[in-house]
Amino acid sequence: MSDWPGPHELDQPYLEPTPLEKGRAVVQWLEYQLRQAKKRVQQLEAEEARERGRREQAHAGLRWKLQPEQPDAPALLHRGDCAAYPVVGGYIGRDDALIALGMPEVEPCRVCRPDNGLAEL
């Protein structure tokens, strides 16, 4: 069957959409465009958050953190990205990490091995 109008349909006059119908069509189109724009913004926000997390993780890997001494455990030095001792902020630099490792009461974490990271720099 053809998509072309049949002979009887050509006899019907074309009716121009009313201003109200045109207005409704424009509103529907704009709502569609708004939904698409919101989806794109959400995608970009998610990408930005992933990138920010990646940068923070990479930056944390270049820093160190010191876990305080516990009554039954010595103080531990961790790489900044070590999950064994999660901390927000409180990072120390390379020089301070080297000093901490030289102290008898501070041991390197056995999970992240921060002493290896310090020796590489």
PDB file of N, CA and C in Angstrom:
ATOM      1  N   MET A   1       0.837  -1.169   0.000  1.00  0.00           N
ATOM      2  CA  MET A   1       0.000   0.000   0.000  1.00  0.00           C
ATOM      3  C   MET A   1       0.884   1.235   0.000  1.00  0.00           C
ATOM      4  N   SER A   2       0.504   2.235  -0.720  1.00  0.00           N
ATOM      5  CA  SER A   2       1.300   3.439  -0.903  1.00  0.00           C
ATOM      6  C   SER A   2       1.038   4.442   0.218  1.00  0.00           C
ATOM      7  N   ASP A   3       2.083   5.233   0.509  1.00  0.00           N
ATOM      8  CA  ASP A   3       1.929   6.308   1.494  1.00  0.00           C
ATOM      9  C   ASP A   3       1.352   7.564   0.853  1.00  0.00           C
ATOM     10  N   TRP A   4       1.214   7.557  -0.461  1.00  0.00           N
ATOM     11  CA  TRP A   4       0.696   8.734  -1.153  1.00  0.00           C
ATOM     12  C   TRP A   4      -0.812   8.834  -0.954  1.00  0.00           C
ATOM     13  N   PRO A   5      -1.307  10.059  -0.875  1.00  0.00           N
ATOM     14  CA  PRO A   5      -2.758  10.211  -0.696  1.00  0.00           C
ATOM     15  C   PRO A   5      -3.512   9.677  -1.917  1.00  0.00           C
ATOM     16  N   GLY A   6      -4.649   9.092  -1.629  1.00  0.00           N
ATOM     17  CA  GLY A   6      -5.488   8.587  -2.711  1.00  0.00           C
ATOM     18  C   GLY A   6      -6.214   9.726  -3.415  1.00  0.00           C
ATOM     19  N   PRO A   7      -6.894   9.441  -4.534  1.00  0.00           N
ATOM     20  CA  PRO A   7      -7.564  10.490  -5.310  1.00  0.00           C
ATOM     21  C   PRO A   7      -8.649  11.206  -4.515  1.00  0.00           C
ATOM     22  N   HIS A   8      -9.338  10.464  -3.635  1.00  0.00           N
ATOM     23  CA  HIS A   8     -10.403  11.114  -2.873  1.00  0.00           C
ATOM     24  C   HIS A   8      -9.844  12.066  -1.822  1.00  0.00           C
ATOM     25  N   GLU A   9      -8.599  11.822  -1.337  1.00  0.00           N
ATOM     26  CA  GLU A   9      -7.992  12.696  -0.334  1.00  0.00           C
ATOM     27  C   GLU A   9      -7.501  14.001  -0.961  1.00  0.00           C
ATOM     28  N   LEU A  10      -7.207  14.007  -2.220  1.00  0.00           N
ATOM     29  CA  LEU A  10      -6.742  15.223  -2.882  1.00  0.00           C
ATOM     30  C   LEU A  10      -7.886  16.211  -3.076  1.00  0.00           C
ATOM     31  N   ASP A  11      -9.097  15.730  -3.041  1.00  0.00           N
ATOM     32  CA  ASP A  11     -10.252  16.610  -3.202  1.00  0.00           C
ATOM     33  C   ASP A  11     -10.513  17.421  -1.939  1.00  0.00           C
ATOM     34  N   GLN A  12      -9.925  16.983  -0.829  1.00  0.00           N
ATOM     35  CA  GLN A  12     -10.142  17.697   0.437  1.00  0.00           C
ATOM     36  C   GLN A  12      -9.248  18.935   0.459  1.00  0.00           C
ATOM     37  N   PRO A  13      -9.789  20.056   0.850  1.00  0.00           N
ATOM     38  CA  PRO A  13      -8.952  21.262   0.923  1.00  0.00           C
ATOM     39  C   PRO A  13      -7.990  21.167   2.113  1.00  0.00           C
ATOM     40  N   TYR A  14      -6.830  21.770   1.957  1.00  0.00           N
ATOM     41  CA  TYR A  14      -5.851  21.823   3.046  1.00  0.00           C
ATOM     42  C   TYR A  14      -6.359  22.804   4.089  1.00  0.00           C
ATOM     43  N   LEU A  15      -6.364  22.369   5.334  1.00  0.00           N
ATOM     44  CA  LEU A  15      -6.783  23.250   6.420  1.00  0.00           C
ATOM     45  C   LEU A  15      -5.551  23.701   7.197  1.00  0.00           C
ATOM     46  N   GLU A  16      -5.326  24.965   7.202  1.00  0.00           N
ATOM     47  CA  GLU A  16      -4.212  25.563   7.941  1.00  0.00           C
ATOM     48  C   GLU A  16      -4.438  25.315   9.436  1.00  0.00           C
ATOM     49  N   PRO A  17      -3.391  24.888  10.161  1.00  0.00           N
ATOM     50  CA  PRO A  17      -3.552  24.726  11.612  1.00  0.00           C
ATOM     51  C   PRO A  17      -3.923  26.059  12.258  1.00  0.00           C
ATOM     52  N   THR A  18      -4.720  25.967  13.275  1.00  0.00           N
ATOM     53  CA  THR A  18      -5.128  27.177  13.989  1.00  0.00           C
ATOM     54  C   THR A  18      -3.941  27.702  14.784  1.00  0.00           C
ATOM     55  N   PRO A  19      -3.982  28.948  15.195  1.00  0.00           N
ATOM     56  CA  PRO A  19      -2.916  29.484  16.047  1.00  0.00           C
ATOM     57  C   PRO A  19      -2.741  28.672  17.327  1.00  0.00           C
ATOM     58  N   LEU A  20      -3.842  28.170  17.878  1.00  0.00           N
ATOM     59  CA  LEU A  20      -3.750  27.361  19.088  1.00  0.00           C
ATOM     60  C   LEU A  20      -3.007  26.050  18.795  1.00  0.00           C
ATOM     61  N   GLU A  21      -3.314  25.388  17.689  1.00  0.00           N
ATOM     62  CA  GLU A  21      -2.638  24.153  17.314  1.00  0.00           C
ATOM     63  C   GLU A  21      -1.150  24.404  17.060  1.00  0.00           C
ATOM     64  N   LYS A  22      -0.844  25.501  16.416  1.00  0.00           N
ATOM     65  CA  LYS A  22       0.557  25.854  16.179  1.00  0.00           C
ATOM     66  C   LYS A  22       1.288  26.083  17.503  1.00  0.00           C
ATOM     67  N   GLY A  23       0.616  26.805  18.399  1.00  0.00           N
ATOM     68  CA  GLY A  23       1.212  27.085  19.703  1.00  0.00           C
ATOM     69  C   GLY A  23       1.484  25.811  20.479  1.00  0.00           C
ATOM     70  N   ARG A  24       0.525  24.879  20.457  1.00  0.00           N
ATOM     71  CA  ARG A  24       0.708  23.604  21.152  1.00  0.00           C
ATOM     72  C   ARG A  24       1.869  22.810  20.540  1.00  0.00           C
ATOM     73  N   ALA A  25       1.979  22.838  19.224  1.00  0.00           N
ATOM     74  CA  ALA A  25       3.070  22.131  18.557  1.00  0.00           C
ATOM     75  C   ALA A  25       4.415  22.725  18.962  1.00  0.00           C
ATOM     76  N   VAL A  26       4.483  24.046  19.036  1.00  0.00           N
ATOM     77  CA  VAL A  26       5.729  24.703  19.450  1.00  0.00           C
ATOM     78  C   VAL A  26       6.072  24.321  20.893  1.00  0.00           C
ATOM     79  N   VAL A  27       5.077  24.301  21.775  1.00  0.00           N
ATOM     80  CA  VAL A  27       5.310  23.930  23.176  1.00  0.00           C
ATOM     81  C   VAL A  27       5.827  22.501  23.262  1.00  0.00           C
ATOM     82  N   GLN A  28       5.229  21.584  22.513  1.00  0.00           N
ATOM     83  CA  GLN A  28       5.683  20.198  22.520  1.00  0.00           C
ATOM     84  C   GLN A  28       7.135  20.094  22.040  1.00  0.00           C
ATOM     85  N   TRP A  29       7.447  20.822  20.994  1.00  0.00           N
ATOM     86  CA  TRP A  29       8.810  20.810  20.468  1.00  0.00           C
ATOM     87  C   TRP A  29       9.802  21.380  21.485  1.00  0.00           C
ATOM     88  N   LEU A  30       9.439  22.471  22.118  1.00  0.00           N
ATOM     89  CA  LEU A  30      10.327  23.080  23.104  1.00  0.00           C
ATOM     90  C   LEU A  30      10.499  22.183  24.326  1.00  0.00           C
ATOM     91  N   GLU A  31       9.438  21.503  24.744  1.00  0.00           N
ATOM     92  CA  GLU A  31       9.552  20.565  25.857  1.00  0.00           C
ATOM     93  C   GLU A  31      10.496  19.419  25.496  1.00  0.00           C
ATOM     94  N   TYR A  32      10.394  18.939  24.269  1.00  0.00           N
ATOM     95  CA  TYR A  32      11.301  17.889  23.797  1.00  0.00           C
ATOM     96  C   TYR A  32      12.748  18.394  23.830  1.00  0.00           C
ATOM     97  N   GLN A  33      12.963  19.594  23.312  1.00  0.00           N
ATOM     98  CA  GLN A  33      14.318  20.168  23.299  1.00  0.00           C
ATOM     99  C   GLN A  33      14.846  20.343  24.712  1.00  0.00           C
ATOM    100  N   LEU A  34      13.989  20.776  25.636  1.00  0.00           N
ATOM    101  CA  LEU A  34      14.405  20.959  27.025  1.00  0.00           C
ATOM    102  C   LEU A  34      14.798  19.621  27.655  1.00  0.00           C
ATOM    103  N   ARG A  35      14.016  18.570  27.389  1.00  0.00           N
ATOM    104  CA  ARG A  35      14.378  17.249  27.914  1.00  0.00           C
ATOM    105  C   ARG A  35      15.733  16.803  27.371  1.00  0.00           C
ATOM    106  N   GLN A  36      15.973  17.023  26.092  1.00  0.00           N
ATOM    107  CA  GLN A  36      17.256  16.643  25.495  1.00  0.00           C
ATOM    108  C   GLN A  36      18.406  17.438  26.116  1.00  0.00           C
ATOM    109  N   ALA A  37      18.189  18.734  26.315  1.00  0.00           N
ATOM    110  CA  ALA A  37      19.232  19.581  26.901  1.00  0.00           C
ATOM    111  C   ALA A  37      19.522  19.156  28.338  1.00  0.00           C
ATOM    112  N   LYS A  38      18.492  18.815  29.107  1.00  0.00           N
ATOM    113  CA  LYS A  38      18.697  18.367  30.489  1.00  0.00           C
ATOM    114  C   LYS A  38      19.462  17.056  30.535  1.00  0.00           C
ATOM    115  N   LYS A  39      19.151  16.142  29.626  1.00  0.00           N
ATOM    116  CA  LYS A  39      19.886  14.876  29.563  1.00  0.00           C
ATOM    117  C   LYS A  39      21.358  15.129  29.278  1.00  0.00           C
ATOM    118  N   ARG A  40      21.629  16.041  28.358  1.00  0.00           N
ATOM    119  CA  ARG A  40      23.017  16.345  27.989  1.00  0.00           C
ATOM    120  C   ARG A  40      23.762  16.969  29.163  1.00  0.00           C
ATOM    121  N   VAL A  41      23.099  17.862  29.884  1.00  0.00           N
ATOM    122  CA  VAL A  41      23.726  18.487  31.050  1.00  0.00           C
ATOM    123  C   VAL A  41      24.029  17.424  32.101  1.00  0.00           C
ATOM    124  N   GLN A  42      23.116  16.483  32.325  1.00  0.00           N
ATOM    125  CA  GLN A  42      23.362  15.408  33.280  1.00  0.00           C
ATOM    126  C   GLN A  42      24.560  14.561  32.856  1.00  0.00           C
ATOM    127  N   GLN A  43      24.661  14.266  31.570  1.00  0.00           N
ATOM    128  CA  GLN A  43      25.802  13.498  31.069  1.00  0.00           C
ATOM    129  C   GLN A  43      27.110  14.253  31.313  1.00  0.00           C
ATOM    130  N   LEU A  44      27.094  15.550  31.005  1.00  0.00           N
ATOM    131  CA  LEU A  44      28.305  16.351  31.188  1.00  0.00           C
ATOM    132  C   LEU A  44      28.676  16.466  32.666  1.00  0.00           C
ATOM    133  N   GLU A  45      27.683  16.599  33.544  1.00  0.00           N
ATOM    134  CA  GLU A  45      27.961  16.667  34.979  1.00  0.00           C
ATOM    135  C   GLU A  45      28.567  15.358  35.468  1.00  0.00           C
ATOM    136  N   ALA A  46      28.042  14.232  34.996  1.00  0.00           N
ATOM    137  CA  ALA A  46      28.578  12.930  35.394  1.00  0.00           C
ATOM    138  C   ALA A  46      30.015  12.770  34.894  1.00  0.00           C
ATOM    139  N   GLU A  47      30.277  13.176  33.658  1.00  0.00           N
ATOM    140  CA  GLU A  47      31.632  13.102  33.113  1.00  0.00           C
ATOM    141  C   GLU A  47      32.586  13.978  33.922  1.00  0.00           C
ATOM    142  N   GLU A  48      32.123  15.169  34.265  1.00  0.00           N
ATOM    143  CA  GLU A  48      32.961  16.092  35.039  1.00  0.00           C
ATOM    144  C   GLU A  48      33.255  15.522  36.424  1.00  0.00           C
ATOM    145  N   ALA A  49      32.255  14.916  37.059  1.00  0.00           N
ATOM    146  CA  ALA A  49      32.464  14.327  38.384  1.00  0.00           C
ATOM    147  C   ALA A  49      33.451  13.164  38.306  1.00  0.00           C
ATOM    148  N   ARG A  50      33.336  12.323  37.272  1.00  0.00           N
ATOM    149  CA  ARG A  50      34.289  11.218  37.113  1.00  0.00           C
ATOM    150  C   ARG A  50      35.706  11.749  36.898  1.00  0.00           C
ATOM    151  N   GLU A  51      35.835  12.771  36.082  1.00  0.00           N
ATOM    152  CA  GLU A  51      37.157  13.348  35.807  1.00  0.00           C
ATOM    153  C   GLU A  51      37.740  13.990  37.067  1.00  0.00           C
ATOM    154  N   ARG A  52      36.905  14.684  37.825  1.00  0.00           N
ATOM    155  CA  ARG A  52      37.370  15.300  39.069  1.00  0.00           C
ATOM    156  C   ARG A  52      37.845  14.218  40.044  1.00  0.00           C
ATOM    157  N   GLY A  53      37.082  13.126  40.155  1.00  0.00           N
ATOM    158  CA  GLY A  53      37.478  12.021  41.026  1.00  0.00           C
ATOM    159  C   GLY A  53      38.780  11.391  40.574  1.00  0.00           C
ATOM    160  N   ARG A  54      38.934  11.235  39.257  1.00  0.00           N
ATOM    161  CA  ARG A  54      40.169  10.666  38.719  1.00  0.00           C
ATOM    162  C   ARG A  54      41.366  11.557  39.040  1.00  0.00           C
ATOM    163  N   ARG A  55      41.191  12.872  38.864  1.00  0.00           N
ATOM    164  CA  ARG A  55      42.285  13.808  39.164  1.00  0.00           C
ATOM    165  C   ARG A  55      42.626  13.791  40.655  1.00  0.00           C
ATOM    166  N   GLU A  56      41.600  13.759  41.517  1.00  0.00           N
ATOM    167  CA  GLU A  56      41.840  13.733  42.961  1.00  0.00           C
ATOM    168  C   GLU A  56      42.551  12.450  43.361  1.00  0.00           C
ATOM    169  N   GLN A  57      42.151  11.330  42.753  1.00  0.00           N
ATOM    170  CA  GLN A  57      42.796  10.048  43.050  1.00  0.00           C
ATOM    171  C   GLN A  57      44.262  10.072  42.615  1.00  0.00           C
ATOM    172  N   ALA A  58      44.522  10.617  41.441  1.00  0.00           N
ATOM    173  CA  ALA A  58      45.895  10.696  40.948  1.00  0.00           C
ATOM    174  C   ALA A  58      46.733  11.614  41.842  1.00  0.00           C
ATOM    175  N   HIS A  59      46.152  12.723  42.268  1.00  0.00           N
ATOM    176  CA  HIS A  59      46.871  13.658  43.132  1.00  0.00           C
ATOM    177  C   HIS A  59      47.137  13.029  44.498  1.00  0.00           C
ATOM    178  N   ALA A  60      46.153  12.278  45.008  1.00  0.00           N
ATOM    179  CA  ALA A  60      46.334  11.628  46.305  1.00  0.00           C
ATOM    180  C   ALA A  60      47.463  10.604  46.248  1.00  0.00           C
ATOM    181  N   GLY A  61      47.652   9.980  45.086  1.00  0.00           N
ATOM    182  CA  GLY A  61      48.718   8.994  44.940  1.00  0.00           C
ATOM    183  C   GLY A  61      50.100   9.593  45.056  1.00  0.00           C
ATOM    184  N   LEU A  62      50.190  10.902  44.935  1.00  0.00           N
ATOM    185  CA  LEU A  62      51.478  11.582  45.039  1.00  0.00           C
ATOM    186  C   LEU A  62      51.713  12.160  46.431  1.00  0.00           C
ATOM    187  N   ARG A  63      50.800  11.876  47.349  1.00  0.00           N
ATOM    188  CA  ARG A  63      50.920  12.377  48.721  1.00  0.00           C
ATOM    189  C   ARG A  63      50.885  11.194  49.685  1.00  0.00           C
ATOM    190  N   TRP A  64      51.076  11.469  50.954  1.00  0.00           N
ATOM    191  CA  TRP A  64      51.099  10.442  51.973  1.00  0.00           C
ATOM    192  C   TRP A  64      50.214  10.873  53.129  1.00  0.00           C
ATOM    193  N   LYS A  65      49.836   9.906  53.961  1.00  0.00           N
ATOM    194  CA  LYS A  65      49.041  10.203  55.151  1.00  0.00           C
ATOM    195  C   LYS A  65      49.560   9.350  56.299  1.00  0.00           C
ATOM    196  N   LEU A  66      49.456   9.898  57.476  1.00  0.00           N
ATOM    197  CA  LEU A  66      49.995   9.252  58.663  1.00  0.00           C
ATOM    198  C   LEU A  66      48.843   8.822  59.558  1.00  0.00           C
ATOM    199  N   GLN A  67      48.752   7.524  59.803  1.00  0.00           N
ATOM    200  CA  GLN A  67      47.728   6.982  60.700  1.00  0.00           C
ATOM    201  C   GLN A  67      48.294   7.036  62.113  1.00  0.00           C
ATOM    202  N   PRO A  68      47.584   7.679  63.041  1.00  0.00           N
ATOM    203  CA  PRO A  68      48.122   7.807  64.405  1.00  0.00           C
ATOM    204  C   PRO A  68      48.345   6.454  65.075  1.00  0.00           C
ATOM    205  N   GLU A  69      49.251   6.476  66.019  1.00  0.00           N
ATOM    206  CA  GLU A  69      49.554   5.271  66.793  1.00  0.00           C
ATOM    207  C   GLU A  69      48.340   4.876  67.626  1.00  0.00           C
ATOM    208  N   GLN A  70      48.084   3.580  67.680  1.00  0.00           N
ATOM    209  CA  GLN A  70      46.992   3.034  68.498  1.00  0.00           C
ATOM    210  C   GLN A  70      47.609   2.308  69.688  1.00  0.00           C
ATOM    211  N   PRO A  71      46.832   2.055  70.754  1.00  0.00           N
ATOM    212  CA  PRO A  71      47.419   1.354  71.905  1.00  0.00           C
ATOM    213  C   PRO A  71      48.023  -0.008  71.535  1.00  0.00           C
ATOM    214  N   ASP A  72      47.453  -0.679  70.551  1.00  0.00           N
ATOM    215  CA  ASP A  72      47.945  -2.004  70.194  1.00  0.00           C
ATOM    216  C   ASP A  72      48.640  -2.045  68.828  1.00  0.00           C
ATOM    217  N   ALA A  73      48.876  -0.882  68.233  1.00  0.00           N
ATOM    218  CA  ALA A  73      49.506  -0.861  66.902  1.00  0.00           C
ATOM    219  C   ALA A  73      50.341   0.405  66.745  1.00  0.00           C
ATOM    220  N   PRO A  74      51.450   0.297  66.006  1.00  0.00           N
ATOM    221  CA  PRO A  74      52.294   1.482  65.791  1.00  0.00           C
ATOM    222  C   PRO A  74      51.626   2.447  64.805  1.00  0.00           C
ATOM    223  N   ALA A  75      52.165   3.627  64.729  1.00  0.00           N
ATOM    224  CA  ALA A  75      51.708   4.586  63.716  1.00  0.00           C
ATOM    225  C   ALA A  75      52.108   4.038  62.351  1.00  0.00           C
ATOM    226  N   LEU A  76      51.245   4.278  61.356  1.00  0.00           N
ATOM    227  CA  LEU A  76      51.519   3.762  60.014  1.00  0.00           C
ATOM    228  C   LEU A  76      51.552   4.895  59.003  1.00  0.00           C
ATOM    229  N   LEU A  77      52.475   4.795  58.078  1.00  0.00           N
ATOM    230  CA  LEU A  77      52.538   5.732  56.964  1.00  0.00           C
ATOM    231  C   LEU A  77      51.880   5.063  55.762  1.00  0.00           C
ATOM    232  N   HIS A  78      50.962   5.788  55.107  1.00  0.00           N
ATOM    233  CA  HIS A  78      50.237   5.274  53.945  1.00  0.00           C
ATOM    234  C   HIS A  78      50.458   6.203  52.758  1.00  0.00           C
ATOM    235  N   ARG A  79      50.317   5.633  51.573  1.00  0.00           N
ATOM    236  CA  ARG A  79      50.228   6.474  50.370  1.00  0.00           C
ATOM    237  C   ARG A  79      48.898   7.212  50.449  1.00  0.00           C
ATOM    238  N   GLY A  80      48.805   8.334  49.801  1.00  0.00           N
ATOM    239  CA  GLY A  80      47.581   9.129  49.855  1.00  0.00           C
ATOM    240  C   GLY A  80      46.370   8.431  49.290  1.00  0.00           C
ATOM    241  N   ASP A  81      46.570   7.482  48.382  1.00  0.00           N
ATOM    242  CA  ASP A  81      45.436   6.789  47.767  1.00  0.00           C
ATOM    243  C   ASP A  81      45.186   5.412  48.383  1.00  0.00           C
ATOM    244  N   CYS A  82      45.800   5.117  49.511  1.00  0.00           N
ATOM    245  CA  CYS A  82      45.628   3.816  50.164  1.00  0.00           C
ATOM    246  C   CYS A  82      44.235   3.728  50.796  1.00  0.00           C
ATOM    247  N   ALA A  83      43.529   2.668  50.458  1.00  0.00           N
ATOM    248  CA  ALA A  83      42.177   2.471  50.992  1.00  0.00           C
ATOM    249  C   ALA A  83      42.194   1.847  52.384  1.00  0.00           C
ATOM    250  N   ALA A  84      43.338   1.373  52.844  1.00  0.00           N
ATOM    251  CA  ALA A  84      43.420   0.757  54.163  1.00  0.00           C
ATOM    252  C   ALA A  84      43.202   1.777  55.272  1.00  0.00           C
ATOM    253  N   TYR A  85      43.494   3.029  54.995  1.00  0.00           N
ATOM    254  CA  TYR A  85      43.270   4.097  55.978  1.00  0.00           C
ATOM    255  C   TYR A  85      42.646   5.277  55.243  1.00  0.00           C
ATOM    256  N   PRO A  86      41.321   5.263  55.123  1.00  0.00           N
ATOM    257  CA  PRO A  86      40.657   6.365  54.418  1.00  0.00           C
ATOM    258  C   PRO A  86      40.654   7.631  55.280  1.00  0.00           C
ATOM    259  N   VAL A  87      41.045   8.699  54.669  1.00  0.00           N
ATOM    260  CA  VAL A  87      41.055   9.987  55.356  1.00  0.00           C
ATOM    261  C   VAL A  87      40.778  11.063  54.315  1.00  0.00           C
ATOM    262  N   VAL A  88      40.044  12.065  54.728  1.00  0.00           N
ATOM    263  CA  VAL A  88      39.788  13.194  53.838  1.00  0.00           C
ATOM    264  C   VAL A  88      40.693  14.327  54.294  1.00  0.00           C
ATOM    265  N   GLY A  89      41.603  14.718  53.442  1.00  0.00           N
ATOM    266  CA  GLY A  89      42.543  15.764  53.808  1.00  0.00           C
ATOM    267  C   GLY A  89      43.622  15.201  54.728  1.00  0.00           C
ATOM    268  N   GLY A  90      44.400  16.072  55.313  1.00  0.00           N
ATOM    269  CA  GLY A  90      45.433  15.657  56.236  1.00  0.00           C
ATOM    270  C   GLY A  90      46.619  14.971  55.586  1.00  0.00           C
ATOM    271  N   TYR A  91      46.874  15.289  54.341  1.00  0.00           N
ATOM    272  CA  TYR A  91      47.991  14.673  53.638  1.00  0.00           C
ATOM    273  C   TYR A  91      49.291  15.378  54.006  1.00  0.00           C
ATOM    274  N   ILE A  92      50.386  14.633  53.877  1.00  0.00           N
ATOM    275  CA  ILE A  92      51.700  15.225  54.110  1.00  0.00           C
ATOM    276  C   ILE A  92      52.524  15.088  52.839  1.00  0.00           C
ATOM    277  N   GLY A  93      53.537  15.902  52.743  1.00  0.00           N
ATOM    278  CA  GLY A  93      54.400  15.892  51.570  1.00  0.00           C
ATOM    279  C   GLY A  93      55.501  14.849  51.672  1.00  0.00           C
ATOM    280  N   ARG A  94      56.301  14.782  50.630  1.00  0.00           N
ATOM    281  CA  ARG A  94      57.365  13.780  50.529  1.00  0.00           C
ATOM    282  C   ARG A  94      58.393  13.935  51.637  1.00  0.00           C
ATOM    283  N   ASP A  95      58.823  15.164  51.891  1.00  0.00           N
ATOM    284  CA  ASP A  95      59.845  15.379  52.914  1.00  0.00           C
ATOM    285  C   ASP A  95      59.356  14.924  54.288  1.00  0.00           C
ATOM    286  N   ASP A  96      58.119  15.266  54.633  1.00  0.00           N
ATOM    287  CA  ASP A  96      57.560  14.843  55.923  1.00  0.00           C
ATOM    288  C   ASP A  96      57.391  13.329  55.979  1.00  0.00           C
ATOM    289  N   ALA A  97      57.024  12.711  54.858  1.00  0.00           N
ATOM    290  CA  ALA A  97      56.875  11.253  54.825  1.00  0.00           C
ATOM    291  C   ALA A  97      58.229  10.578  55.033  1.00  0.00           C
ATOM    292  N   LEU A  98      59.283  11.125  54.451  1.00  0.00           N
ATOM    293  CA  LEU A  98      60.630  10.563  54.656  1.00  0.00           C
ATOM    294  C   LEU A  98      61.060  10.684  56.114  1.00  0.00           C
ATOM    295  N   ILE A  99      60.743  11.816  56.719  1.00  0.00           N
ATOM    296  CA  ILE A  99      61.070  12.013  58.137  1.00  0.00           C
ATOM    297  C   ILE A  99      60.303  11.017  58.988  1.00  0.00           C
ATOM    298  N   ALA A 100      58.994  10.847  58.679  1.00  0.00           N
ATOM    299  CA  ALA A 100      58.162   9.914  59.447  1.00  0.00           C
ATOM    300  C   ALA A 100      58.689   8.486  59.338  1.00  0.00           C
ATOM    301  N   LEU A 101      59.104   8.079  58.141  1.00  0.00           N
ATOM    302  CA  LEU A 101      59.633   6.725  57.974  1.00  0.00           C
ATOM    303  C   LEU A 101      60.925   6.506  58.757  1.00  0.00           C
ATOM    304  N   GLY A 102      61.661   7.571  58.980  1.00  0.00           N
ATOM    305  CA  GLY A 102      62.907   7.457  59.749  1.00  0.00           C
ATOM    306  C   GLY A 102      62.671   7.349  61.240  1.00  0.00           C
ATOM    307  N   MET A 103      61.453   7.580  61.678  1.00  0.00           N
ATOM    308  CA  MET A 103      61.140   7.505  63.108  1.00  0.00           C
ATOM    309  C   MET A 103      60.875   6.043  63.497  1.00  0.00           C
ATOM    310  N   PRO A 104      61.388   5.614  64.641  1.00  0.00           N
ATOM    311  CA  PRO A 104      61.230   4.206  65.028  1.00  0.00           C
ATOM    312  C   PRO A 104      59.772   3.810  65.326  1.00  0.00           C
ATOM    313  N   GLU A 105      58.946   4.740  65.712  1.00  0.00           N
ATOM    314  CA  GLU A 105      57.558   4.405  66.067  1.00  0.00           C
ATOM    315  C   GLU A 105      56.606   4.413  64.865  1.00  0.00           C
ATOM    316  N   VAL A 106      57.131   4.692  63.667  1.00  0.00           N
ATOM    317  CA  VAL A 106      56.302   4.726  62.450  1.00  0.00           C
ATOM    318  C   VAL A 106      56.737   3.597  61.519  1.00  0.00           C
ATOM    319  N   GLU A 107      55.742   2.821  61.063  1.00  0.00           N
ATOM    320  CA  GLU A 107      56.008   1.736  60.125  1.00  0.00           C
ATOM    321  C   GLU A 107      55.268   2.008  58.819  1.00  0.00           C
ATOM    322  N   PRO A 108      55.786   1.494  57.712  1.00  0.00           N
ATOM    323  CA  PRO A 108      55.060   1.646  56.450  1.00  0.00           C
ATOM    324  C   PRO A 108      53.872   0.678  56.396  1.00  0.00           C
ATOM    325  N   CYS A 109      52.828   1.086  55.754  1.00  0.00           N
ATOM    326  CA  CYS A 109      51.654   0.231  55.547  1.00  0.00           C
ATOM    327  C   CYS A 109      52.073  -0.969  54.697  1.00  0.00           C
ATOM    328  N   ARG A 110      51.608  -2.151  55.074  1.00  0.00           N
ATOM    329  CA  ARG A 110      51.959  -3.358  54.323  1.00  0.00           C
ATOM    330  C   ARG A 110      51.104  -3.519  53.071  1.00  0.00           C
ATOM    331  N   VAL A 111      50.035  -2.731  52.975  1.00  0.00           N
ATOM    332  CA  VAL A 111      49.148  -2.828  51.810  1.00  0.00           C
ATOM    333  C   VAL A 111      49.662  -1.958  50.664  1.00  0.00           C
ATOM    334  N   CYS A 112      49.901  -0.685  50.944  1.00  0.00           N
ATOM    335  CA  CYS A 112      50.263   0.248  49.867  1.00  0.00           C
ATOM    336  C   CYS A 112      51.772   0.452  49.711  1.00  0.00           C
ATOM    337  N   ARG A 113      52.547   0.014  50.689  1.00  0.00           N
ATOM    338  CA  ARG A 113      54.003   0.104  50.643  1.00  0.00           C
ATOM    339  C   ARG A 113      54.487   1.526  50.261  1.00  0.00           C
ATOM    340  N   PRO A 114      54.233   2.510  51.123  1.00  0.00           N
ATOM    341  CA  PRO A 114      54.627   3.886  50.798  1.00  0.00           C
ATOM    342  C   PRO A 114      56.126   4.082  50.718  1.00  0.00           C
ATOM    343  N   ASP A 115      56.876   3.220  51.362  1.00  0.00           N
ATOM    344  CA  ASP A 115      58.341   3.338  51.302  1.00  0.00           C
ATOM    345  C   ASP A 115      58.833   3.111  49.873  1.00  0.00           C
ATOM    346  N   ASN A 116      58.159   2.230  49.123  1.00  0.00           N
ATOM    347  CA  ASN A 116      58.535   2.024  47.720  1.00  0.00           C
ATOM    348  C   ASN A 116      58.254   3.279  46.910  1.00  0.00           C
ATOM    349  N   GLY A 117      57.146   3.925  47.161  1.00  0.00           N
ATOM    350  CA  GLY A 117      56.798   5.153  46.445  1.00  0.00           C
ATOM    351  C   GLY A 117      57.758   6.279  46.740  1.00  0.00           C
ATOM    352  N   LEU A 118      58.237   6.333  47.962  1.00  0.00           N
ATOM    353  CA  LEU A 118      59.182   7.386  48.332  1.00  0.00           C
ATOM    354  C   LEU A 118      60.540   7.131  47.690  1.00  0.00           C
ATOM    355  N   ALA A 119      60.928   5.887  47.584  1.00  0.00           N
ATOM    356  CA  ALA A 119      62.233   5.569  47.003  1.00  0.00           C
ATOM    357  C   ALA A 119      62.272   5.874  45.509  1.00  0.00           C
ATOM    358  N   GLU A 120      61.095   5.840  44.855  1.00  0.00           N
ATOM    359  CA  GLU A 120      61.045   6.067  43.394  1.00  0.00           C
ATOM    360  C   GLU A 120      61.217   7.532  43.035  1.00  0.00           C
ATOM    361  N   LEU A 121      60.895   8.425  43.962  1.00  0.00           N
ATOM    362  CA  LEU A 121      60.951   9.863  43.631  1.00  0.00           C
ATOM    363  C   LEU A 121      62.334  10.417  43.774  1.00  0.00           C
TER     364      LEU A 121
END
